[in-house]
C-alpha atoms as a PDB file:
ATOM      1  CA  MET A   1      -1.337 -20.932  25.990  1.00  0.00           C
ATOM      2  CA  ASN A   2       1.949 -22.410  27.253  1.00  0.00           C
ATOM      3  CA  ALA A   3       5.332 -20.778  27.507  1.00  0.00           C
ATOM      4  CA  SER A   4       7.034 -22.615  24.701  1.00  0.00           C
ATOM      5  CA  GLN A   5       3.913 -21.408  22.169  1.00  0.00           C
ATOM      6  CA  LEU A   6       4.607 -17.486  23.224  1.00  0.00           C
ATOM      7  CA  PRO A   7       7.894 -17.255  21.132  1.00  0.00           C
ATOM      8  CA  ILE A   8       5.771 -18.719  18.154  1.00  0.00           C
ATOM      9  CA  LEU A   9       2.995 -16.225  18.650  1.00  0.00           C
ATOM     10  CA  LEU A  10       5.493 -13.184  18.933  1.00  0.00           C
ATOM     11  CA  ALA A  11       7.115 -14.532  15.659  1.00  0.00           C
ATOM     12  CA  LEU A  12       4.008 -14.162  13.647  1.00  0.00           C
ATOM     13  CA  VAL A  13       3.003 -10.711  15.400  1.00  0.00           C
ATOM     14  CA  SER A  14       6.791  -9.459  14.040  1.00  0.00           C
ATOM     15  CA  SER A  15       6.067 -11.214  10.753  1.00  0.00           C
ATOM     16  CA  VAL A  16       2.575  -8.931  10.479  1.00  0.00           C
ATOM     17  CA  LEU A  17       3.750  -5.883  11.666  1.00  0.00           C
ATOM     18  CA  PHE A  18       6.970  -6.172   9.280  1.00  0.00           C
ATOM     19  CA  ALA A  19       4.415  -6.502   6.445  1.00  0.00           C
ATOM     20  CA  ILE A  20       2.351  -3.460   7.226  1.00  0.00           C
ATOM     21  CA  SER A  21       5.451  -1.571   7.760  1.00  0.00           C
ATOM     22  CA  ILE A  22       6.540  -2.712   4.115  1.00  0.00           C
ATOM     23  CA  GLN A  23       3.334  -1.425   3.301  1.00  0.00           C
ATOM     24  CA  PHE A  24       3.331   2.233   4.298  1.00  0.00           C
ATOM     25  CA  GLN A  25       6.656   2.402   3.116  1.00  0.00           C
ATOM     26  CA  GLY A  26       5.629   1.668  -0.234  1.00  0.00           C
ATOM     27  CA  LEU A  27       2.893   4.117  -0.205  1.00  0.00           C
ATOM     28  CA  GLY A  28       5.741   6.738   1.146  1.00  0.00           C
ATOM     29  CA  LEU A  29       8.065   5.429  -1.674  1.00  0.00           C
ATOM     30  CA  ARG A  30       5.313   6.836  -4.454  1.00  0.00           C
ATOM     31  CA  ASP A  31       7.391  10.438  -3.411  1.00  0.00           C
ATOM     32  CA  THR A  32      11.028   9.700  -2.459  1.00  0.00           C
ATOM     33  CA  ASP A  33      13.548   7.148  -3.030  1.00  0.00           C
ATOM     34  CA  SER A  34      14.451   3.675  -1.104  1.00  0.00           C
ATOM     35  CA  ARG A  35      17.385   5.202   0.600  1.00  0.00           C
ATOM     36  CA  THR A  36      15.576   8.236   2.316  1.00  0.00           C
ATOM     37  CA  ALA A  37      12.585   5.992   2.568  1.00  0.00           C
ATOM     38  CA  THR A  38      15.059   3.353   4.510  1.00  0.00           C
ATOM     39  CA  LEU A  39      16.558   6.320   6.337  1.00  0.00           C
ATOM     40  CA  LEU A  40      12.774   8.050   7.577  1.00  0.00           C
ATOM     41  CA  SER A  41      11.215   4.812   8.671  1.00  0.00           C
ATOM     42  CA  VAL A  42      14.577   3.649  11.173  1.00  0.00           C
ATOM     43  CA  GLY A  43      14.818   7.168  12.167  1.00  0.00           C
ATOM     44  CA  ALA A  44      11.105   7.033  13.302  1.00  0.00           C
ATOM     45  CA  SER A  45      11.957   3.264  15.100  1.00  0.00           C
ATOM     46  CA  THR A  46      14.446   4.673  16.501  1.00  0.00           C
ATOM     47  CA  ALA A  47      12.830   8.044  18.135  1.00  0.00           C
ATOM     48  CA  LEU A  48       9.901   5.765  19.495  1.00  0.00           C
ATOM     49  CA  TYR A  49      12.326   3.354  21.700  1.00  0.00           C
ATOM     50  CA  TRP A  50      14.379   6.584  23.137  1.00  0.00           C
ATOM     51  CA  LEU A  51      10.647   7.771  23.981  1.00  0.00           C
ATOM     52  CA  VAL A  52       9.885   4.888  25.981  1.00  0.00           C
ATOM     53  CA  ALA A  53      13.683   4.543  27.280  1.00  0.00           C
ATOM     54  CA  PRO A  54      12.577   6.802  30.523  1.00  0.00           C
ATOM     55  CA  LEU A  55       9.756   3.947  31.138  1.00  0.00           C
ATOM     56  CA  LEU A  56      12.121   0.597  29.923  1.00  0.00           C
ATOM     57  CA  LEU A  57      16.035   1.846  29.936  1.00  0.00           C
ATOM     58  CA  ARG A  58      18.007   0.894  33.277  1.00  0.00           C
ATOM     59  CA  ALA A  59      21.800   1.805  34.338  1.00  0.00           C
ATOM     60  CA  ASP A  60      22.448  -1.906  34.891  1.00  0.00           C
ATOM     61  CA  TYR A  61      21.650  -3.089  30.750  1.00  0.00           C
ATOM     62  CA  TRP A  62      25.023  -0.869  29.660  1.00  0.00           C
ATOM     63  CA  VAL A  63      27.148  -3.614  30.246  1.00  0.00           C
ATOM     64  CA  VAL A  64      30.380  -3.342  27.591  1.00  0.00           C
ATOM     65  CA  ALA A  65      29.997  -7.126  25.822  1.00  0.00           C
ATOM     66  CA  ALA A  66      26.792  -6.783  25.312  1.00  0.00           C
ATOM     67  CA  LEU A  67      26.660  -3.310  23.592  1.00  0.00           C
ATOM     68  CA  LEU A  68      29.029  -4.543  21.793  1.00  0.00           C
ATOM     69  CA  ILE A  69      27.076  -7.339  20.111  1.00  0.00           C
ATOM     70  CA  PHE A  70      24.151  -5.087  19.702  1.00  0.00           C
ATOM     71  CA  PHE A  71      26.267  -2.251  18.190  1.00  0.00           C
ATOM     72  CA  ALA A  72      27.728  -5.005  15.312  1.00  0.00           C
ATOM     73  CA  VAL A  73      23.925  -6.089  14.792  1.00  0.00           C
ATOM     74  CA  GLY A  74      23.172  -2.417  13.722  1.00  0.00           C
ATOM     75  CA  VAL A  75      26.046  -2.101  11.507  1.00  0.00           C
ATOM     76  CA  ILE A  76      25.213  -5.414   9.537  1.00  0.00           C
ATOM     77  CA  ARG A  77      21.664  -5.416   9.883  1.00  0.00           C
ATOM     78  CA  PRO A  78      19.980  -3.582   7.778  1.00  0.00           C
ATOM     79  CA  PHE A  79      22.778  -1.510   6.502  1.00  0.00           C
ATOM     80  CA  ILE A  80      25.250  -4.231   4.865  1.00  0.00           C
ATOM     81  CA  SER A  81      22.304  -6.771   4.482  1.00  0.00           C
ATOM     82  CA  SER A  82      20.123  -4.162   2.274  1.00  0.00           C
ATOM     83  CA  ASN A  83      22.938  -3.398   0.177  1.00  0.00           C
ATOM     84  CA  LEU A  84      24.150  -6.956  -0.527  1.00  0.00           C
ATOM     85  CA  ALA A  85      20.408  -7.494  -1.378  1.00  0.00           C
ATOM     86  CA  LEU A  86      20.024  -4.392  -3.977  1.00  0.00           C
ATOM     87  CA  ALA A  87      23.067  -5.252  -5.673  1.00  0.00           C
ATOM     88  CA  GLY A  88      22.038  -9.086  -6.006  1.00  0.00           C
ATOM     89  CA  VAL A  89      19.193  -7.160  -7.348  1.00  0.00           C
ATOM     90  CA  THR A  90      21.172  -5.330  -9.905  1.00  0.00           C
ATOM     91  CA  TYR A  91      23.499  -8.016 -11.010  1.00  0.00           C
ATOM     92  CA  LEU A  92      20.893 -11.221 -11.036  1.00  0.00           C
ATOM     93  CA  GLY A  93      17.853  -9.315 -11.251  1.00  0.00           C
ATOM     94  CA  PRO A  94      14.859  -9.396  -8.727  1.00  0.00           C
ATOM     95  CA  THR A  95      13.805 -12.836  -9.052  1.00  0.00           C
ATOM     96  CA  LEU A  96      17.380 -14.519  -8.625  1.00  0.00           C
ATOM     97  CA  ALA A  97      18.015 -12.161  -6.272  1.00  0.00           C
ATOM     98  CA  THR A  98      14.940 -12.607  -4.611  1.00  0.00           C
ATOM     99  CA  THR A  99      14.662 -16.354  -4.201  1.00  0.00           C
ATOM    100  CA  LEU A 100      18.872 -16.537  -2.907  1.00  0.00           C
ATOM    101  CA  ALA A 101      17.696 -14.286  -0.350  1.00  0.00           C
ATOM    102  CA  ALA A 102      14.602 -16.507   0.532  1.00  0.00           C
ATOM    103  CA  THR A 103      17.088 -18.977   2.343  1.00  0.00           C
ATOM    104  CA  SER A 104      17.736 -16.901   5.519  1.00  0.00           C
ATOM    105  CA  PRO A 105      15.502 -19.123   7.537  1.00  0.00           C
ATOM    106  CA  PHE A 106      18.243 -22.044   6.441  1.00  0.00           C
ATOM    107  CA  PHE A 107      21.108 -20.247   7.083  1.00  0.00           C
ATOM    108  CA  GLY A 108      19.487 -19.495  10.797  1.00  0.00           C
ATOM    109  CA  ALA A 109      18.221 -23.018  10.918  1.00  0.00           C
ATOM    110  CA  MET A 110      22.198 -24.254  11.009  1.00  0.00           C
ATOM    111  CA  LEU A 111      23.637 -21.141  12.989  1.00  0.00           C
ATOM    112  CA  GLY A 112      21.079 -21.943  15.877  1.00  0.00           C
ATOM    113  CA  VAL A 113      21.960 -25.740  15.823  1.00  0.00           C
ATOM    114  CA  PHE A 114      25.944 -25.726  15.204  1.00  0.00           C
ATOM    115  CA  TRP A 115      26.743 -22.493  17.221  1.00  0.00           C
ATOM    116  CA  LEU A 116      24.033 -22.404  19.647  1.00  0.00           C
ATOM    117  CA  GLY A 117      23.468 -26.082  20.372  1.00  0.00           C
ATOM    118  CA  GLU A 118      19.669 -25.704  19.827  1.00  0.00           C
ATOM    119  CA  VAL A 119      17.954 -29.121  18.976  1.00  0.00           C
ATOM    120  CA  MET A 120      16.404 -29.466  14.795  1.00  0.00           C
ATOM    121  CA  THR A 121      13.773 -31.827  15.310  1.00  0.00           C
ATOM    122  CA  TRP A 122      11.919 -33.842  12.314  1.00  0.00           C
ATOM    123  CA  PRO A 123       8.865 -31.409  12.510  1.00  0.00           C
ATOM    124  CA  LEU A 124      10.783 -28.360  12.470  1.00  0.00           C
ATOM    125  CA  ALA A 125      13.011 -29.200   9.403  1.00  0.00           C
ATOM    126  CA  ALA A 126       9.699 -29.961   7.828  1.00  0.00           C
ATOM    127  CA  GLY A 127       8.420 -26.662   8.748  1.00  0.00           C
ATOM    128  CA  THR A 128      11.160 -24.993   7.898  1.00  0.00           C
ATOM    129  CA  GLY A 129      11.395 -26.469   4.440  1.00  0.00           C
ATOM    130  CA  GLY A 130       7.987 -26.312   3.164  1.00  0.00           C
ATOM    131  CA  ILE A 131       8.617 -22.389   4.696  1.00  0.00           C
ATOM    132  CA  ILE A 132      11.696 -22.075   2.228  1.00  0.00           C
ATOM    133  CA  ALA A 133       9.873 -23.501  -0.498  1.00  0.00           C
ATOM    134  CA  GLY A 134       6.868 -21.207  -0.507  1.00  0.00           C
ATOM    135  CA  ILE A 135       8.863 -18.402  -0.540  1.00  0.00           C
ATOM    136  CA  VAL A 136      11.064 -19.208  -3.187  1.00  0.00           C
ATOM    137  CA  LEU A 137       8.138 -20.609  -5.479  1.00  0.00           C
ATOM    138  CA  MET A 138       6.368 -17.209  -4.610  1.00  0.00           C
ATOM    139  CA  ALA A 139       9.719 -14.765  -5.433  1.00  0.00           C
ATOM    140  CA  SER A 140      10.459 -17.046  -8.535  1.00  0.00           C
ATOM    141  CA  GLY A 141       7.736 -15.885 -10.446  1.00  0.00           C
ATOM    142  CA  GLY A 142       9.128 -13.301 -12.676  1.00  0.00           C
ATOM    143  CA  ARG A 143      11.897 -12.856 -15.203  1.00  0.00           C
ATOM    144  CA  SER A 144      15.785 -12.783 -14.136  1.00  0.00           C
ATOM    145  CA  LYS A 145      18.645 -11.245 -16.018  1.00  0.00           C
ATOM    146  CA  GLY A 146      20.411 -14.091 -18.214  1.00  0.00           C
ATOM    147  CA  ASP A 147      24.001 -12.981 -17.932  1.00  0.00           C
ATOM    148  CA  TRP A 148      25.631 -12.200 -14.796  1.00  0.00           C
ATOM    149  CA  PRO A 149      28.955 -12.777 -13.110  1.00  0.00           C
ATOM    150  CA  LEU A 150      29.326 -16.174 -11.020  1.00  0.00           C
ATOM    151  CA  TRP A 151      30.325 -14.207  -8.305  1.00  0.00           C
ATOM    152  CA  ALA A 152      27.375 -12.179  -8.059  1.00  0.00           C
ATOM    153  CA  LEU A 153      25.146 -15.042  -6.347  1.00  0.00           C
ATOM    154  CA  ALA A 154      27.175 -14.645  -3.069  1.00  0.00           C
ATOM    155  CA  LEU A 155      25.345 -10.948  -3.035  1.00  0.00           C
ATOM    156  CA  PRO A 156      21.617 -12.063  -2.269  1.00  0.00           C
ATOM    157  CA  VAL A 157      23.101 -15.533  -0.446  1.00  0.00           C
ATOM    158  CA  GLY A 158      24.960 -12.983   1.362  1.00  0.00           C
ATOM    159  CA  ALA A 159      23.082 -10.536   2.765  1.00  0.00           C
ATOM    160  CA  ALA A 160      20.285 -13.950   3.822  1.00  0.00           C
ATOM    161  CA  THR A 161      23.396 -15.034   6.002  1.00  0.00           C
ATOM    162  CA  ILE A 162      23.925 -11.382   7.432  1.00  0.00           C
ATOM    163  CA  ARG A 163      20.310 -10.859   8.544  1.00  0.00           C
ATOM    164  CA  ALA A 164      20.918 -14.717   9.935  1.00  0.00           C
ATOM    165  CA  PHE A 165      23.733 -14.018  12.098  1.00  0.00           C
ATOM    166  CA  GLY A 166      22.094 -10.682  13.028  1.00  0.00           C
ATOM    167  CA  HIS A 167      19.185 -12.498  14.696  1.00  0.00           C
ATOM    168  CA  VAL A 168      22.064 -15.004  16.072  1.00  0.00           C
ATOM    169  CA  PHE A 169      23.908 -11.973  17.452  1.00  0.00           C
ATOM    170  CA  SER A 170      20.713 -10.567  19.183  1.00  0.00           C
ATOM    171  CA  LYS A 171      20.239 -13.834  20.945  1.00  0.00           C
ATOM    172  CA  VAL A 172      23.485 -14.056  22.470  1.00  0.00           C
ATOM    173  CA  GLY A 173      23.411 -10.485  23.179  1.00  0.00           C
ATOM    174  CA  MET A 174      20.224 -10.764  25.279  1.00  0.00           C
ATOM    175  CA  GLU A 175      21.699 -13.692  27.270  1.00  0.00           C
ATOM    176  CA  ILE A 176      24.104 -10.981  28.568  1.00  0.00           C
ATOM    177  CA  VAL A 177      21.697  -8.499  28.891  1.00  0.00           C
ATOM    178  CA  PRO A 178      18.306 -10.405  28.831  1.00  0.00           C
ATOM    179  CA  SER A 179      16.203  -7.035  27.407  1.00  0.00           C
ATOM    180  CA  PRO A 180      14.432  -7.520  24.133  1.00  0.00           C
ATOM    181  CA  TYR A 181      14.229  -3.629  24.365  1.00  0.00           C
ATOM    182  CA  PHE A 182      17.675  -2.844  25.000  1.00  0.00           C
ATOM    183  CA  ALA A 183      18.476  -5.076  21.961  1.00  0.00           C
ATOM    184  CA  GLY A 184      16.308  -2.931  19.580  1.00  0.00           C
ATOM    185  CA  LEU A 185      17.647   0.535  21.368  1.00  0.00           C
ATOM    186  CA  VAL A 186      21.059  -0.237  20.720  1.00  0.00           C
ATOM    187  CA  THR A 187      20.639  -2.022  17.259  1.00  0.00           C
ATOM    188  CA  LEU A 188      18.742   0.627  15.641  1.00  0.00           C
ATOM    189  CA  SER A 189      20.248   4.011  17.056  1.00  0.00           C
ATOM    190  CA  VAL A 190      23.277   2.454  15.522  1.00  0.00           C
ATOM    191  CA  SER A 191      21.568   1.739  12.296  1.00  0.00           C
ATOM    192  CA  PHE A 192      19.973   5.176  11.749  1.00  0.00           C
ATOM    193  CA  CYS A 193      23.791   6.991  12.913  1.00  0.00           C
ATOM    194  CA  VAL A 194      25.118   4.188   9.572  1.00  0.00           C
ATOM    195  CA  ALA A 195      21.956   5.384   6.861  1.00  0.00           C
ATOM    196  CA  LEU A 196      22.418   9.592   8.382  1.00  0.00           C
ATOM    197  CA  ALA A 197      26.078   9.193   7.831  1.00  0.00           C
ATOM    198  CA  PHE A 198      25.833   7.684   4.426  1.00  0.00           C
ATOM    199  CA  HIS A 199      23.565  10.249   3.460  1.00  0.00           C
ATOM    200  CA  ALA A 200      25.357  12.964   4.592  1.00  0.00           C
ATOM    201  CA  MET A 201      28.476  11.465   2.539  1.00  0.00           C
ATOM    202  CA  ARG A 202      26.571  11.947  -0.511  1.00  0.00           C
ATOM    203  CA  ARG A 203      25.261  15.301   0.642  1.00  0.00           C
ATOM    204  CA  ARG A 204      21.895  14.497   0.398  1.00  0.00           C
ATOM    205  CA  ARG A 205      18.614  16.402   2.142  1.00  0.00           C
ATOM    206  CA  PRO A 206      16.643  13.278   2.862  1.00  0.00           C
ATOM    207  CA  PHE A 207      14.370  14.809   5.696  1.00  0.00           C
ATOM    208  CA  LEU A 208      13.020  17.727   2.852  1.00  0.00           C
ATOM    209  CA  ALA A 209      12.822  15.495  -0.090  1.00  0.00           C
ATOM    210  CA  SER A 210       9.716  13.828   1.261  1.00  0.00           C
ATOM    211  CA  SER A 211       6.218  15.176   1.559  1.00  0.00           C
ATOM    212  CA  ARG A 212       4.148  15.604   4.401  1.00  0.00           C
ATOM    213  CA  ARG A 213       1.945  12.909   3.559  1.00  0.00           C
ATOM    214  CA  SER A 214       5.049  10.421   2.599  1.00  0.00           C
ATOM    215  CA  MET A 215       7.151  11.444   6.211  1.00  0.00           C
ATOM    216  CA  LEU A 216       3.769  10.696   7.573  1.00  0.00           C
ATOM    217  CA  TYR A 217       3.578   7.043   5.816  1.00  0.00           C
ATOM    218  CA  PHE A 218       7.170   6.613   6.609  1.00  0.00           C
ATOM    219  CA  GLY A 219       6.145   7.483  10.282  1.00  0.00           C
ATOM    220  CA  ILE A 220       3.557   4.736  10.998  1.00  0.00           C
ATOM    221  CA  ALA A 221       6.263   2.392   8.853  1.00  0.00           C
ATOM    222  CA  GLY A 222       8.851   2.966  11.811  1.00  0.00           C
ATOM    223  CA  ILE A 223       6.570   2.368  14.531  1.00  0.00           C
ATOM    224  CA  ALA A 224       5.228  -0.873  12.995  1.00  0.00           C
ATOM    225  CA  ASN A 225       8.768  -2.014  12.554  1.00  0.00           C
ATOM    226  CA  GLY A 226       9.946  -0.924  16.158  1.00  0.00           C
ATOM    227  CA  VAL A 227       7.186  -3.180  17.550  1.00  0.00           C
ATOM    228  CA  SER A 228       8.235  -5.520  15.111  1.00  0.00           C
ATOM    229  CA  LEU A 229      11.844  -5.594  16.098  1.00  0.00           C
ATOM    230  CA  LEU A 230      10.504  -5.757  20.034  1.00  0.00           C
ATOM    231  CA  SER A 231       8.403  -8.345  19.454  1.00  0.00           C
ATOM    232  CA  LEU A 232      11.125 -10.485  17.616  1.00  0.00           C
ATOM    233  CA  ASN A 233      13.590  -9.811  20.160  1.00  0.00           C
ATOM    234  CA  THR A 234      11.302 -11.254  22.699  1.00  0.00           C
ATOM    235  CA  ALA A 235      10.523 -14.374  20.829  1.00  0.00           C
ATOM    236  CA  LEU A 236      14.369 -14.771  20.525  1.00  0.00           C
ATOM    237  CA  SER A 237      15.272 -14.092  24.172  1.00  0.00           C
ATOM    238  CA  GLY A 238      12.476 -16.595  24.816  1.00  0.00           C
ATOM    239  CA  GLY A 239      12.509 -19.378  22.152  1.00  0.00           C
ATOM    240  CA  ASP A 240      15.320 -21.428  19.696  1.00  0.00           C
ATOM    241  CA  VAL A 241      16.445 -19.778  16.477  1.00  0.00           C
ATOM    242  CA  VAL A 242      15.219 -22.691  14.330  1.00  0.00           C
ATOM    243  CA  VAL A 243      11.778 -21.918  15.581  1.00  0.00           C
ATOM    244  CA  VAL A 244      11.599 -18.317  15.639  1.00  0.00           C
ATOM    245  CA  ILE A 245      13.132 -17.308  12.415  1.00  0.00           C
ATOM    246  CA  PRO A 246      11.280 -19.495   9.809  1.00  0.00           C
ATOM    247  CA  ILE A 247       8.334 -18.043  10.711  1.00  0.00           C
ATOM    248  CA  VAL A 248       9.304 -14.362  10.929  1.00  0.00           C
ATOM    249  CA  ALA A 249      10.649 -15.356   7.641  1.00  0.00           C
ATOM    250  CA  ILE A 250       6.503 -15.605   6.594  1.00  0.00           C
ATOM    251  CA  SER A 251       6.253 -11.770   6.077  1.00  0.00           C
ATOM    252  CA  PRO A 252       6.572 -11.556   2.348  1.00  0.00           C
ATOM    253  CA  VAL A 253       3.876 -13.614   2.244  1.00  0.00           C
ATOM    254  CA  VAL A 254       1.997 -11.628   4.861  1.00  0.00           C
ATOM    255  CA  THR A 255       2.951  -8.628   2.886  1.00  0.00           C
ATOM    256  CA  LEU A 256       0.852  -9.960  -0.248  1.00  0.00           C
ATOM    257  CA  LEU A 257      -2.176 -10.922   1.763  1.00  0.00           C
ATOM    258  CA  LEU A 258      -2.086  -7.204   2.926  1.00  0.00           C
ATOM    259  CA  GLY A 259      -1.323  -5.836  -0.513  1.00  0.00           C
ATOM    260  CA  ARG A 260      -4.205  -7.968  -1.757  1.00  0.00           C
ATOM    261  CA  PHE A 261      -7.485  -7.622   0.964  1.00  0.00           C
ATOM    262  CA  VAL A 262      -6.148  -4.630   2.548  1.00  0.00           C
ATOM    263  CA  PHE A 263      -3.981  -1.920   0.612  1.00  0.00           C
ATOM    264  CA  ARG A 264      -5.916  -3.152  -2.417  1.00  0.00           C
ATOM    265  CA  GLN A 265      -2.370  -3.049  -4.501  1.00  0.00           C
ATOM    266  CA  GLU A 266      -1.748  -6.435  -5.161  1.00  0.00           C
ATOM    267  CA  MET A 267      -2.986  -9.442  -6.956  1.00  0.00           C
ATOM    268  CA  LEU A 268      -3.063 -12.756  -5.871  1.00  0.00           C
ATOM    269  CA  THR A 269      -1.546 -15.310  -8.895  1.00  0.00           C
ATOM    270  CA  PRO A 270      -2.068 -18.850  -8.770  1.00  0.00           C
ATOM    271  CA  ARG A 271       1.483 -19.158  -7.972  1.00  0.00           C
ATOM    272  CA  ALA A 272       1.203 -17.010  -4.640  1.00  0.00           C
ATOM    273  CA  ILE A 273      -1.686 -19.388  -3.855  1.00  0.00           C
ATOM    274  CA  VAL A 274       0.335 -22.624  -3.874  1.00  0.00           C
ATOM    275  CA  ALA A 275       2.704 -20.760  -1.914  1.00  0.00           C
ATOM    276  CA  VAL A 276       0.100 -19.495   0.980  1.00  0.00           C
ATOM    277  CA  LEU A 277      -1.213 -23.168   0.687  1.00  0.00           C
ATOM    278  CA  MET A 278       2.285 -24.768   1.579  1.00  0.00           C
ATOM    279  CA  ILE A 279       3.518 -22.222   4.184  1.00  0.00           C
ATOM    280  CA  VAL A 280       0.345 -21.802   6.147  1.00  0.00           C
ATOM    281  CA  PRO A 281       0.572 -25.720   7.224  1.00  0.00           C
ATOM    282  CA  ALA A 282       4.612 -25.349   7.784  1.00  0.00           C
ATOM    283  CA  VAL A 283       4.348 -22.842  10.578  1.00  0.00           C
ATOM    284  CA  ILE A 284       1.153 -25.035  11.912  1.00  0.00           C
ATOM    285  CA  ILE A 285       3.795 -28.416  11.909  1.00  0.00           C
ATOM    286  CA  ILE A 286       6.558 -25.673  13.007  1.00  0.00           C
ATOM    287  CA  ALA A 287       4.094 -24.695  16.147  1.00  0.00           C
ATOM    288  CA  VAL A 288       2.244 -28.284  17.070  1.00  0.00           C
ATOM    289  CA  GLY A 289       5.293 -30.410  16.522  1.00  0.00           C
ATOM    290  CA  ARG A 290       7.925 -28.845  18.426  1.00  0.00           C
END
């Protein structure tokens, strides 16, 4: 494997670990609500990063410009992006909202080309288009609400755009401080503080609202998510956004496959099978033809 293919492998690892995190969060959600699940899993990720701080954290990482960038990423993702996505589901229904949110690789590619000056080759464009089409196909299998305000379309699109900006900001920050670990440490710490403050304002006691079993699931989910973020940041630090983000975006497909063959909780519909057959060759095109 050459150096140009390592970010692709790390992006695949990130998507698989994120899918594993989602599966364990799903198991934990049987005993609590989604906001508590987010708080506990992000808390576990943050704790993991601080536990290894004596080994990986260095004094020269505390550069103001990079801190501000990573701080901004921690605020907008996942707090703002997740809330926009949830609001989109409320107004538009899960089908249309999820379909529009699947356009995140497109916005990531555009930002990579027009902001970072990356090159979008024909194989990259074809692979990105195939991944987006496959995800949209898989997400559009249900029924959406028929009566919704036109402005509500901006909610899932806004969530997709914010995720793309988060990836680009992380890459820019790592050009100042070349540490995928430090990027994750600051981002997760800010995200956890924001989520904790939100729960405090709602006067909730999230840690007592979950059973020991669900807290174990959220702990596993948080560890998987933390390593996934490290893999993603490492891929972004050594690769182009236009290559990494479309591959990371296949995590819904990995989640579906894990749910069917590992967790035995999902059914493979014909639509999902077609989506997989579209996405796998698209990833191969990106890996081979970049």
